[in-house]
Amino acid sequence: MTSNPKPLIPNSILVQLGFLVLILFVFYLLASNLVFFLPGFLGALCLTVLLLPPYRWMTQKKGWNKNLSIIALMLGSSMLVLAPLYLLIQTITQKVLVVLQDKDKIQAGIESTVRSLRESYNIDIFNENTISKATELGTQAFQAIVNTSVNSVVEIGVAYLMLYFLLKEYQQIQAWLTRYLPMQANNMDELKVDMKRLVVSNSVGVPLTAFIQGIVAFIGYLIFGVEDAFVFFILTAFASLLPVVGAAVIYIPLIVMMLANGQQGSAIGLLIYCLVVVGTSDNLIRFLLQKKMADVHPLITIFGVIVGVNVFGFIGIIFGPILFSLFMWLIKIYYREFVEANKAKIIEK
């Protein structure tokens, strides 16, 4: 009596692989059609991590109504989120977009600046062929800022819609994740702690760093007599969020304009102040503050911001480092869950 040959791959493994393929296929369909809402979803997760402790305090310790607590937290946090964005839009609208309506005026101003720099310092920033292109690029850049601001408003709306349900049903969501994620309990606990530190570091640390650097630059603008110093403070604070270049995007053109207007002493003084004080404060605050909140390597922050901006746009400045750190964390968890576990089994045998 001959026995049937044993299959190379057990049927249970084939069934499991079939389910995994089906799950990944359905996930792809959902993700490909909802990718527009991804920044809003990530924003909702960040807000949930930040607002969950006060929500627990309001509902569990104080006994407040859940819906009223959520509405109060949403209103309070929206003021902090929307106020800077509204301030940026108002600043651009009042000080820049009015000028952008007359492109000839912009080009004439650039030509005047170029002539002044060429005659006084023998510096030829642009030639006649590139002035028109520079004007076009500048116009498109400011229009892109406005479009980004509008998109950010939509993403914030999506984030707060999701935030309501994430806060109201956080216990059910946590229980579901704990039960169905293929992860050991200690790794799940570590995930909660690490993600909270990463979210706080990027959601709070990045805007706080930019605001402080804007304040430092604002002091310099006042010292050296910059006209509309408050406007340049707002623009500098937002520009400080950009990787690598940062606030230089604002203060270098400002210094060039001051030179063209004959403010040589103030321009040179502001240049030294920005390079020494503002530049040093950027590196010092950005890396030390975020490293204190979460022990994130500076390179992860830099490359995370670059990747995040390419994937999510401007809001990726916050989400990029989080995703980059999450990727590194997943590698660590994979090693613990599978490599170390297999090593332990081999040793036992």
Protein backbone atom coordinates (compact mmCIF):
# COMPACT_ATOMS: atom_id res chain seq x y z
CA MET A 1 0.00 0.00 0.00
CA THR A 2 1.55 3.23 -1.17
CA SER A 3 0.96 6.57 0.53
CA ASN A 4 0.23 9.76 -1.36
CA PRO A 5 3.29 11.99 -1.77
CA LYS A 6 3.47 14.87 0.70
CA PRO A 7 2.90 18.27 -1.01
CA LEU A 8 5.89 20.60 -1.12
CA ILE A 9 3.76 23.45 0.23
CA PRO A 10 1.02 22.63 2.76
CA ASN A 11 -2.51 23.56 1.78
CA SER A 12 -2.83 25.81 4.83
CA ILE A 13 0.11 27.90 3.60
CA LEU A 14 -1.44 28.17 0.12
CA VAL A 15 -4.75 29.29 1.59
CA GLN A 16 -2.93 31.85 3.74
CA LEU A 17 -1.03 33.21 0.74
CA GLY A 18 -4.26 33.41 -1.23
CA PHE A 19 -5.88 35.49 1.51
CA LEU A 20 -2.81 37.76 1.68
CA VAL A 21 -2.89 38.33 -2.09
CA LEU A 22 -6.61 39.11 -1.90
CA ILE A 23 -6.09 41.52 1.01
CA LEU A 24 -3.26 43.31 -0.80
CA PHE A 25 -5.33 43.56 -3.99
CA VAL A 26 -8.32 45.09 -2.19
CA PHE A 27 -5.98 47.40 -0.28
CA TYR A 28 -4.44 48.56 -3.56
CA LEU A 29 -7.87 49.34 -5.01
CA LEU A 30 -8.82 51.33 -1.93
CA ALA A 31 -5.49 53.15 -1.61
CA SER A 32 -5.25 54.07 -5.30
CA ASN A 33 -8.68 55.73 -5.17
CA LEU A 34 -8.23 57.39 -1.78
CA VAL A 35 -4.63 58.58 -2.17
CA PHE A 36 -5.84 62.20 -2.39
CA PHE A 37 -7.06 61.91 1.21
CA LEU A 38 -3.81 60.40 2.51
CA PRO A 39 -2.37 63.70 3.87
CA GLY A 40 -5.66 64.35 5.66
CA PHE A 41 -5.65 60.85 7.13
CA LEU A 42 -2.06 61.24 8.35
CA GLY A 43 -2.99 64.62 9.79
CA ALA A 44 -5.91 63.01 11.63
CA LEU A 45 -3.57 60.37 13.11
CA CYS A 46 -1.15 63.06 14.31
CA LEU A 47 -3.97 65.11 15.85
CA THR A 48 -5.36 61.98 17.51
CA VAL A 49 -2.01 61.24 19.15
CA LEU A 50 -1.76 64.83 20.39
CA LEU A 51 -5.37 65.23 21.54
CA LEU A 52 -6.00 61.78 23.01
CA PRO A 53 -4.47 62.59 26.46
CA PRO A 54 -6.62 65.72 26.99
CA TYR A 55 -9.66 63.84 25.61
CA ARG A 56 -9.17 61.08 28.17
CA TRP A 57 -8.75 63.67 30.92
CA MET A 58 -11.97 65.46 29.91
CA THR A 59 -14.10 62.34 29.54
CA GLN A 60 -12.70 59.94 32.15
CA LYS A 61 -11.54 62.23 34.96
CA LYS A 62 -13.93 65.15 34.53
CA GLY A 63 -16.85 63.14 33.20
CA TRP A 64 -17.59 65.49 30.32
CA ASN A 65 -19.78 64.48 27.40
CA LYS A 66 -17.73 62.77 24.67
CA ASN A 67 -19.18 64.73 21.76
CA LEU A 68 -18.79 68.08 23.52
CA SER A 69 -15.22 67.19 24.51
CA ILE A 70 -14.33 66.30 20.93
CA ILE A 71 -15.91 69.49 19.57
CA ALA A 72 -14.05 71.62 22.15
CA LEU A 73 -10.72 69.97 21.27
CA MET A 74 -11.36 70.31 17.55
CA LEU A 75 -12.21 74.01 17.86
CA GLY A 76 -9.21 74.72 20.08
CA SER A 77 -6.72 72.84 17.91
CA SER A 78 -8.17 74.27 14.69
CA MET A 79 -7.37 77.75 15.94
CA LEU A 80 -3.71 76.74 16.33
CA VAL A 81 -3.64 75.00 12.94
CA LEU A 82 -5.64 77.43 10.83
CA ALA A 83 -4.47 80.72 12.34
CA PRO A 84 -0.91 80.55 10.89
CA LEU A 85 -2.26 79.40 7.52
CA TYR A 86 -4.80 82.23 7.48
CA LEU A 87 -2.07 84.70 8.43
CA LEU A 88 0.12 83.50 5.56
CA ILE A 89 -2.73 83.76 3.03
CA GLN A 90 -3.62 87.26 4.22
CA THR A 91 0.02 88.38 4.05
CA ILE A 92 0.49 87.08 0.53
CA THR A 93 -2.84 88.47 -0.61
CA GLN A 94 -2.26 91.97 0.74
CA LYS A 95 1.45 92.41 0.06
CA VAL A 96 2.25 90.22 -2.93
CA LEU A 97 -0.70 89.25 -5.09
CA VAL A 98 -1.66 92.87 -5.70
CA VAL A 99 1.78 93.44 -7.20
CA LEU A 100 1.66 90.21 -9.18
CA GLN A 101 -1.27 91.57 -11.18
CA ASP A 102 1.22 93.87 -12.95
CA LYS A 103 4.02 91.68 -14.26
CA ASP A 104 5.57 94.62 -16.12
CA LYS A 105 6.06 96.43 -12.84
CA ILE A 106 7.85 93.40 -11.40
CA GLN A 107 10.12 93.14 -14.41
CA ALA A 108 10.94 96.86 -14.26
CA GLY A 109 11.82 96.51 -10.57
CA ILE A 110 14.10 93.54 -11.27
CA GLU A 111 15.82 95.41 -14.10
CA SER A 112 16.38 98.42 -11.84
CA THR A 113 17.89 96.16 -9.15
CA VAL A 114 20.18 94.48 -11.69
CA ARG A 115 21.38 97.81 -13.05
CA SER A 116 22.08 99.16 -9.56
CA LEU A 117 24.08 96.09 -8.58
CA ARG A 118 26.01 96.14 -11.85
CA GLU A 119 26.88 99.82 -11.63
CA SER A 120 27.67 99.94 -7.90
CA TYR A 121 29.26 96.53 -7.27
CA ASN A 122 29.94 95.13 -10.75
CA ILE A 123 27.64 92.21 -9.93
CA ASP A 124 25.62 90.80 -12.83
CA ILE A 125 22.93 88.60 -11.32
CA PHE A 126 20.80 88.30 -14.44
CA ASN A 127 21.34 89.03 -18.08
CA GLU A 128 18.69 90.52 -20.30
CA ASN A 129 17.51 87.10 -21.50
CA THR A 130 16.83 85.66 -18.05
CA ILE A 131 15.01 88.62 -16.47
CA SER A 132 11.73 87.78 -18.19
CA LYS A 133 12.07 84.09 -17.26
CA ALA A 134 12.82 84.98 -13.65
CA THR A 135 9.69 87.12 -13.52
CA GLU A 136 7.60 84.25 -14.90
CA LEU A 137 9.07 81.78 -12.41
CA GLY A 138 8.49 84.16 -9.53
CA THR A 139 4.87 84.66 -10.52
CA GLN A 140 4.31 80.91 -10.82
CA ALA A 141 6.01 80.30 -7.47
CA PHE A 142 3.72 82.64 -5.57
CA GLN A 143 0.67 81.25 -7.36
CA ALA A 144 1.83 77.76 -6.33
CA ILE A 145 2.02 78.94 -2.71
CA VAL A 146 -1.59 80.10 -2.89
CA ASN A 147 -2.72 76.82 -4.48
CA THR A 148 -0.84 74.88 -1.80
CA SER A 149 -2.57 76.92 0.88
CA VAL A 150 -5.98 76.13 -0.60
CA ASN A 151 -5.13 72.41 -0.80
CA SER A 152 -3.97 72.55 2.81
CA VAL A 153 -7.37 73.89 3.86
CA VAL A 154 -9.07 70.93 2.14
CA GLU A 155 -6.66 68.47 3.76
CA ILE A 156 -7.25 70.02 7.17
CA GLY A 157 -11.01 69.63 6.65
CA VAL A 158 -10.56 65.93 5.85
CA ALA A 159 -8.27 65.52 8.85
CA TYR A 160 -10.83 66.96 11.27
CA LEU A 161 -13.63 64.86 9.83
CA MET A 162 -11.58 61.72 10.49
CA LEU A 163 -10.39 63.07 13.84
CA TYR A 164 -13.93 63.07 15.22
CA PHE A 165 -14.36 59.32 14.67
CA LEU A 166 -10.80 58.42 15.68
CA LEU A 167 -11.26 60.13 19.05
CA LYS A 168 -14.79 58.91 19.67
CA GLU A 169 -13.97 55.27 18.89
CA TYR A 170 -10.30 55.15 19.90
CA GLN A 171 -10.84 52.28 22.34
CA GLN A 172 -12.44 50.05 19.70
CA ILE A 173 -9.69 50.94 17.21
CA GLN A 174 -6.93 50.16 19.72
CA ALA A 175 -8.57 46.86 20.62
CA TRP A 176 -8.88 45.90 16.94
CA LEU A 177 -5.25 46.75 16.19
CA THR A 178 -4.01 44.89 19.27
CA ARG A 179 -5.99 41.80 18.32
CA TYR A 180 -5.36 41.57 14.59
CA LEU A 181 -1.92 43.06 13.97
CA PRO A 182 0.62 40.18 13.73
CA MET A 183 2.87 41.62 16.41
CA GLN A 184 3.93 40.69 19.92
CA ALA A 185 2.47 42.65 22.80
CA ASN A 186 5.79 44.21 23.84
CA ASN A 187 6.43 45.42 20.29
CA MET A 188 2.92 46.86 20.12
CA ASP A 189 3.53 48.80 23.34
CA GLU A 190 6.85 50.06 21.98
CA LEU A 191 5.08 51.15 18.78
CA LYS A 192 2.64 53.30 20.78
CA VAL A 193 5.46 54.99 22.71
CA ASP A 194 7.71 55.57 19.69
CA MET A 195 4.91 56.86 17.46
CA LYS A 196 3.79 59.30 20.14
CA ARG A 197 7.32 60.68 20.47
CA LEU A 198 7.74 60.93 16.70
CA VAL A 199 4.41 62.69 16.23
CA VAL A 200 5.11 65.18 19.01
CA SER A 201 8.64 65.77 17.69
CA ASN A 202 7.47 66.56 14.16
CA SER A 203 3.98 67.99 14.67
CA VAL A 204 5.09 70.31 17.48
CA GLY A 205 8.87 70.48 17.08
CA VAL A 206 8.98 71.43 13.39
CA PRO A 207 6.51 74.37 13.56
CA LEU A 208 8.00 75.52 16.87
CA THR A 209 11.50 75.50 15.36
CA ALA A 210 10.31 77.52 12.37
CA PHE A 211 8.51 80.03 14.62
CA ILE A 212 11.58 80.54 16.82
CA GLN A 213 13.80 81.04 13.80
CA GLY A 214 11.29 83.52 12.41
CA ILE A 215 11.45 85.44 15.70
CA VAL A 216 15.27 85.48 15.56
CA ALA A 217 15.15 86.81 11.98
CA PHE A 218 12.44 89.34 12.92
CA ILE A 219 14.76 90.83 15.56
CA GLY A 220 17.40 91.29 12.86
CA TYR A 221 14.89 92.88 10.51
CA LEU A 222 13.97 95.43 13.18
CA ILE A 223 17.61 96.15 14.05
CA PHE A 224 18.60 96.86 10.45
CA GLY A 225 15.48 98.81 9.51
CA VAL A 226 13.74 96.43 7.13
CA GLU A 227 10.49 97.84 5.80
CA ASP A 228 7.45 95.64 6.46
CA ALA A 229 9.50 93.61 8.94
CA PHE A 230 6.43 91.75 10.23
CA VAL A 231 5.54 90.57 6.72
CA PHE A 232 9.06 89.23 6.23
CA PHE A 233 8.85 87.61 9.69
CA ILE A 234 5.79 85.60 8.57
CA LEU A 235 7.41 84.62 5.27
CA THR A 236 10.68 83.69 7.01
CA ALA A 237 8.89 81.53 9.57
CA PHE A 238 7.14 79.54 6.85
CA ALA A 239 10.28 79.37 4.70
CA SER A 240 12.16 77.94 7.70
CA LEU A 241 10.10 74.78 7.26
CA LEU A 242 11.84 74.08 3.95
CA PRO A 243 14.75 71.61 4.02
CA VAL A 244 18.34 72.73 3.37
CA VAL A 245 17.60 76.26 2.07
CA GLY A 246 15.17 77.32 4.80
CA ALA A 247 14.98 81.01 5.71
CA ALA A 248 17.65 81.93 3.13
CA VAL A 249 14.90 81.85 0.51
CA ILE A 250 13.55 85.04 2.10
CA TYR A 251 16.46 86.94 3.59
CA ILE A 252 18.86 86.66 0.61
CA PRO A 253 16.47 88.37 -1.87
CA LEU A 254 15.69 90.89 0.87
CA ILE A 255 19.40 91.73 1.26
CA VAL A 256 19.74 92.07 -2.53
CA MET A 257 16.85 94.55 -2.58
CA MET A 258 18.44 96.55 0.25
CA LEU A 259 21.72 96.75 -1.70
CA ALA A 260 19.86 97.95 -4.79
CA ASN A 261 18.14 100.64 -2.72
CA GLY A 262 21.48 101.98 -1.48
CA GLN A 263 21.26 100.54 2.05
CA GLN A 264 24.74 99.06 1.90
CA GLY A 265 25.53 99.19 5.62
CA SER A 266 22.20 97.71 6.70
CA ALA A 267 22.37 95.05 3.99
CA ILE A 268 25.86 93.91 4.99
CA GLY A 269 24.91 93.93 8.67
CA LEU A 270 21.74 91.92 8.00
CA LEU A 271 23.72 89.46 5.85
CA ILE A 272 26.20 88.82 8.66
CA TYR A 273 23.37 88.57 11.22
CA CYS A 274 21.41 86.09 9.10
CA LEU A 275 24.42 83.92 8.24
CA VAL A 276 25.73 83.79 11.81
CA VAL A 277 22.72 84.15 14.11
CA VAL A 278 19.77 82.93 12.02
CA GLY A 279 21.76 80.14 10.34
CA THR A 280 23.18 78.91 13.65
CA SER A 281 19.79 79.06 15.37
CA ASP A 282 18.26 77.02 12.54
CA ASN A 283 20.70 74.14 12.90
CA LEU A 284 20.81 74.32 16.68
CA ILE A 285 17.07 74.52 17.33
CA ARG A 286 15.98 72.17 14.56
CA PHE A 287 18.23 69.27 15.53
CA LEU A 288 18.52 69.66 19.30
CA LEU A 289 14.82 70.30 19.93
CA GLN A 290 13.64 67.41 17.79
CA LYS A 291 16.35 65.12 19.15
CA LYS A 292 15.21 65.96 22.68
CA MET A 293 11.56 65.22 21.89
CA ALA A 294 12.45 62.03 20.00
CA ASP A 295 15.94 60.65 19.50
CA VAL A 296 15.83 61.13 15.72
CA HIS A 297 19.05 61.33 13.76
CA PRO A 298 19.40 64.65 11.86
CA LEU A 299 19.83 62.79 8.55
CA ILE A 300 16.46 61.08 9.06
CA THR A 301 14.89 64.50 9.54
CA ILE A 302 16.52 65.95 6.41
CA PHE A 303 15.84 63.02 4.08
CA GLY A 304 12.39 62.53 5.60
CA VAL A 305 11.46 66.11 4.79
CA ILE A 306 12.76 65.76 1.21
CA VAL A 307 10.78 62.56 0.64
CA GLY A 308 7.70 63.92 2.39
CA VAL A 309 7.58 67.08 0.28
CA ASN A 310 7.88 65.03 -2.92
CA VAL A 311 5.09 62.65 -1.85
CA PHE A 312 2.65 64.83 0.11
CA GLY A 313 3.57 68.39 -0.88
CA PHE A 314 4.15 71.11 1.69
CA ILE A 315 2.48 69.17 4.51
CA GLY A 316 5.06 66.40 3.95
CA ILE A 317 7.51 68.53 5.93
CA ILE A 318 5.83 67.07 9.03
CA PHE A 319 4.80 63.64 7.75
CA GLY A 320 8.01 62.81 5.86
CA PRO A 321 10.26 62.31 8.92
CA ILE A 322 7.49 60.32 10.61
CA LEU A 323 7.22 57.90 7.67
CA PHE A 324 11.00 57.67 7.37
CA SER A 325 11.30 56.84 11.06
CA LEU A 326 8.40 54.38 10.77
CA PHE A 327 10.24 52.59 7.96
CA MET A 328 13.33 52.21 10.15
CA TRP A 329 11.13 51.03 13.02
CA LEU A 330 9.43 48.39 10.83
CA ILE A 331 12.84 46.97 9.90
CA LYS A 332 13.65 46.70 13.60
CA ILE A 333 10.33 44.99 14.38
CA TYR A 334 10.76 42.56 11.47
CA TYR A 335 14.14 41.57 12.88
CA ARG A 336 12.66 41.01 16.34
CA GLU A 337 9.54 39.18 15.18
CA PHE A 338 11.17 36.82 12.68
CA VAL A 339 14.98 36.81 12.73
CA GLU A 340 15.44 36.71 16.50
CA ALA A 341 12.51 34.33 16.89
CA ASN A 342 13.99 31.90 14.36
CA LYS A 343 17.38 32.12 16.04
CA ALA A 344 15.78 31.26 19.38
CA LYS A 345 14.02 28.22 17.87
CA ILE A 346 17.27 26.98 16.32
CA ILE A 347 19.09 27.33 19.65
CA GLU A 348 16.32 25.42 21.45
CA LYS A 349 16.62 22.57 18.96
